[in-house]
C-alpha atoms as a PDB file:
ATOM      1  CA  MET A   1       0.000   0.000   0.000  1.00  0.00           C
ATOM      2  CA  VAL A   2       1.092   3.529  -0.724  1.00  0.00           C
ATOM      3  CA  SER A   3       2.021   5.538   2.386  1.00  0.00           C
ATOM      4  CA  TYR A   4       3.122   8.754   0.706  1.00  0.00           C
ATOM      5  CA  ALA A   5       3.216  10.517  -2.643  1.00  0.00           C
ATOM      6  CA  ASP A   6       5.806  13.014  -3.858  1.00  0.00           C
ATOM      7  CA  ILE A   7       4.507  15.509  -6.406  1.00  0.00           C
ATOM      8  CA  ALA A   8       7.288  17.460  -8.142  1.00  0.00           C
ATOM      9  CA  VAL A   9       6.212  20.946  -9.162  1.00  0.00           C
ATOM     10  CA  LYS A  10       7.880  23.809 -11.070  1.00  0.00           C
ATOM     11  CA  GLY A  11       7.928  27.105  -9.222  1.00  0.00           C
ATOM     12  CA  SER A  12       8.629  28.671  -5.857  1.00  0.00           C
ATOM     13  CA  VAL A  13       7.564  27.335  -2.475  1.00  0.00           C
ATOM     14  CA  GLN A  14       5.062  30.193  -2.218  1.00  0.00           C
ATOM     15  CA  ASN A  15       3.517  29.224  -5.568  1.00  0.00           C
ATOM     16  CA  VAL A  16       3.244  25.585  -4.448  1.00  0.00           C
ATOM     17  CA  GLN A  17       1.674  26.743  -1.140  1.00  0.00           C
ATOM     18  CA  ASN A  18      -0.996  28.720  -2.982  1.00  0.00           C
ATOM     19  CA  LEU A  19      -1.733  25.953  -5.480  1.00  0.00           C
ATOM     20  CA  ALA A  20      -1.862  23.264  -2.768  1.00  0.00           C
ATOM     21  CA  GLN A  21      -4.214  25.400  -0.646  1.00  0.00           C
ATOM     22  CA  THR A  22      -6.541  25.869  -3.623  1.00  0.00           C
ATOM     23  CA  ALA A  23      -6.366  22.219  -4.713  1.00  0.00           C
ATOM     24  CA  PHE A  24      -7.197  20.898  -1.232  1.00  0.00           C
ATOM     25  CA  ALA A  25      -9.992  23.445  -0.696  1.00  0.00           C
ATOM     26  CA  SER A  26     -11.579  22.626  -4.059  1.00  0.00           C
ATOM     27  CA  ASN A  27     -11.756  18.987  -2.913  1.00  0.00           C
ATOM     28  CA  GLY A  28     -13.543  19.872   0.337  1.00  0.00           C
ATOM     29  CA  PHE A  29     -10.529  19.852   2.662  1.00  0.00           C
ATOM     30  CA  THR A  30      -9.748  22.366   5.394  1.00  0.00           C
ATOM     31  CA  VAL A  31      -6.049  23.241   5.446  1.00  0.00           C
ATOM     32  CA  LYS A  32      -4.130  24.054   8.621  1.00  0.00           C
ATOM     33  CA  TRP A  33      -0.561  25.283   8.151  1.00  0.00           C
ATOM     34  CA  GLU A  34       1.930  24.322  10.878  1.00  0.00           C
ATOM     35  CA  ASN A  35       4.616  26.490   9.259  1.00  0.00           C
ATOM     36  CA  PRO A  36       5.203  27.873   5.726  1.00  0.00           C
ATOM     37  CA  THR A  37       6.136  24.458   4.314  1.00  0.00           C
ATOM     38  CA  LYS A  38       4.193  21.983   6.444  1.00  0.00           C
ATOM     39  CA  GLY A  39       0.542  21.398   7.227  1.00  0.00           C
ATOM     40  CA  LYS A  40      -2.447  19.115   7.334  1.00  0.00           C
ATOM     41  CA  ALA A  41      -5.555  18.906   5.179  1.00  0.00           C
ATOM     42  CA  GLU A  42      -8.666  17.408   6.785  1.00  0.00           C
ATOM     43  CA  LYS A  43     -12.137  16.462   5.633  1.00  0.00           C
ATOM     44  CA  GLY A  44     -14.965  15.168   7.827  1.00  0.00           C
ATOM     45  CA  SER A  45     -15.153  14.610  11.566  1.00  0.00           C
ATOM     46  CA  LYS A  46     -12.502  12.669  13.472  1.00  0.00           C
ATOM     47  CA  GLY A  47     -14.803  12.290  16.504  1.00  0.00           C
ATOM     48  CA  MET A  48     -17.666  10.889  14.426  1.00  0.00           C
ATOM     49  CA  ASN A  49     -15.252   8.522  12.696  1.00  0.00           C
ATOM     50  CA  ILE A  50     -14.051   7.175  16.048  1.00  0.00           C
ATOM     51  CA  ALA A  51     -17.650   6.770  17.251  1.00  0.00           C
ATOM     52  CA  PHE A  52     -19.106   5.247  14.087  1.00  0.00           C
ATOM     53  CA  GLY A  53     -16.072   3.757  12.329  1.00  0.00           C
ATOM     54  CA  ALA A  54     -16.437   3.189   8.593  1.00  0.00           C
ATOM     55  CA  LEU A  55     -19.967   4.645   8.625  1.00  0.00           C
ATOM     56  CA  SER A  56     -18.619   8.153   9.247  1.00  0.00           C
ATOM     57  CA  GLN A  57     -16.003   9.738   7.070  1.00  0.00           C
ATOM     58  CA  TYR A  58     -12.877  11.459   8.301  1.00  0.00           C
ATOM     59  CA  TYR A  59      -9.854  11.846   6.123  1.00  0.00           C
ATOM     60  CA  GLY A  60      -6.576  13.562   6.946  1.00  0.00           C
ATOM     61  CA  VAL A  61      -3.480  14.149   4.847  1.00  0.00           C
ATOM     62  CA  GLU A  62      -0.273  15.630   6.187  1.00  0.00           C
ATOM     63  CA  PHE A  63       1.873  17.436   3.667  1.00  0.00           C
ATOM     64  CA  GLU A  64       5.247  19.102   3.413  1.00  0.00           C
ATOM     65  CA  ILE A  65       6.871  21.190   0.698  1.00  0.00           C
ATOM     66  CA  PHE A  66      10.556  20.522   0.036  1.00  0.00           C
ATOM     67  CA  PRO A  67      12.166  23.413  -1.887  1.00  0.00           C
ATOM     68  CA  GLY A  68      14.539  22.802  -4.769  1.00  0.00           C
ATOM     69  CA  GLN A  69      16.119  24.897  -7.489  1.00  0.00           C
ATOM     70  CA  ASP A  70      13.276  26.430  -9.546  1.00  0.00           C
ATOM     71  CA  ALA A  71      10.989  23.668  -8.256  1.00  0.00           C
ATOM     72  CA  ALA A  72       9.603  22.011  -5.141  1.00  0.00           C
ATOM     73  CA  VAL A  73       8.270  18.639  -4.055  1.00  0.00           C
ATOM     74  CA  LEU A  74       4.906  18.445  -2.323  1.00  0.00           C
ATOM     75  CA  ARG A  75       4.892  15.281  -0.195  1.00  0.00           C
ATOM     76  CA  LEU A  76       1.475  13.950   0.804  1.00  0.00           C
ATOM     77  CA  VAL A  77       1.421  11.506   3.740  1.00  0.00           C
ATOM     78  CA  LYS A  78      -1.589   9.546   5.013  1.00  0.00           C
ATOM     79  CA  ALA A  79      -2.520  11.029   8.401  1.00  0.00           C
ATOM     80  CA  ASN A  80      -4.844   8.192   9.364  1.00  0.00           C
ATOM     81  CA  THR A  81      -4.889   4.467   8.676  1.00  0.00           C
ATOM     82  CA  GLY A  82      -8.608   3.791   8.649  1.00  0.00           C
ATOM     83  CA  LEU A  83      -8.277   1.135  11.368  1.00  0.00           C
ATOM     84  CA  ALA A  84     -11.323   2.527  13.187  1.00  0.00           C
ATOM     85  CA  GLY A  85     -13.363   1.207  10.253  1.00  0.00           C
ATOM     86  CA  GLY A  86     -11.756  -2.236  10.254  1.00  0.00           C
ATOM     87  CA  VAL A  87     -10.424  -3.866   7.089  1.00  0.00           C
ATOM     88  CA  TRP A  88     -12.984  -2.005   4.998  1.00  0.00           C
ATOM     89  CA  GLY A  89     -11.855   1.296   6.545  1.00  0.00           C
ATOM     90  CA  VAL A  90      -8.169   0.589   5.800  1.00  0.00           C
ATOM     91  CA  MET A  91      -8.973  -0.242   2.173  1.00  0.00           C
ATOM     92  CA  LYS A  92     -11.165   2.851   1.852  1.00  0.00           C
ATOM     93  CA  VAL A  93      -8.457   5.170   3.239  1.00  0.00           C
ATOM     94  CA  SER A  94      -5.838   3.677   0.891  1.00  0.00           C
ATOM     95  CA  LYS A  95      -8.130   4.125  -2.104  1.00  0.00           C
ATOM     96  CA  GLN A  96      -8.981   7.703  -1.082  1.00  0.00           C
ATOM     97  CA  PHE A  97      -5.307   8.564  -0.608  1.00  0.00           C
ATOM     98  CA  ASN A  98      -4.410   7.302  -4.090  1.00  0.00           C
ATOM     99  CA  GLU A  99      -7.339   9.187  -5.617  1.00  0.00           C
ATOM    100  CA  LEU A 100      -6.429  12.387  -3.765  1.00  0.00           C
ATOM    101  CA  ALA A 101      -2.771  12.179  -4.840  1.00  0.00           C
ATOM    102  CA  ASP A 102      -3.923  11.714  -8.452  1.00  0.00           C
ATOM    103  CA  THR A 103      -6.389  14.615  -8.142  1.00  0.00           C
ATOM    104  CA  ILE A 104      -3.777  16.979  -6.671  1.00  0.00           C
ATOM    105  CA  ALA A 105      -1.276  15.947  -9.375  1.00  0.00           C
ATOM    106  CA  ALA A 106      -3.933  16.566 -12.057  1.00  0.00           C
ATOM    107  CA  TRP A 107      -4.553  20.016 -10.549  1.00  0.00           C
ATOM    108  CA  PHE A 108      -0.851  20.873 -10.892  1.00  0.00           C
ATOM    109  CA  GLN A 109      -0.885  19.426 -14.434  1.00  0.00           C
ATOM    110  CA  GLN A 110      -3.783  21.737 -15.357  1.00  0.00           C
ATOM    111  CA  GLN A 111      -1.745  24.672 -14.067  1.00  0.00           C
ATOM    112  CA  GLY A 112       1.167  23.594 -16.279  1.00  0.00           C
ATOM    113  CA  VAL A 113       3.607  23.100 -13.398  1.00  0.00           C
ATOM    114  CA  LEU A 114       3.620  19.322 -12.767  1.00  0.00           C
ATOM    115  CA  GLN A 115       7.018  17.672 -13.212  1.00  0.00           C
ATOM    116  CA  GLY A 116       6.197  14.188 -11.946  1.00  0.00           C
ATOM    117  CA  VAL A 117       4.617  11.953  -9.301  1.00  0.00           C
ATOM    118  CA  ASN A 118       6.258   9.236  -7.216  1.00  0.00           C
ATOM    119  CA  LYS A 119       4.147   7.071  -4.877  1.00  0.00           C
ATOM    120  CA  LYS A 120       5.707   4.834  -2.224  1.00  0.00           C
END
């Protein structure tokens, strides 16, 4: 199973910050920045997910921007395993993470700044 995805993007860290903020928000996520290059995007209720397991949706993705020369890498990391929902919850979280990584990469592609994607 994939535990993180690196999305290589042309441009400055600030440009990647703005694009990531917009991409997450357009997919229904609330973004909380820990510092200028690190944060967490969340969707749904963690408390409801703990109470009702797979019947209630909570999804969290931690992310970090690694600056490079004329580019940056946006690393997405699963913030929850889905264990509260049992085997079905784990499979659902893995599927959602892959879909989100693909959606964020497609967003950067539409902006003309995507350099590549590496999932591990």
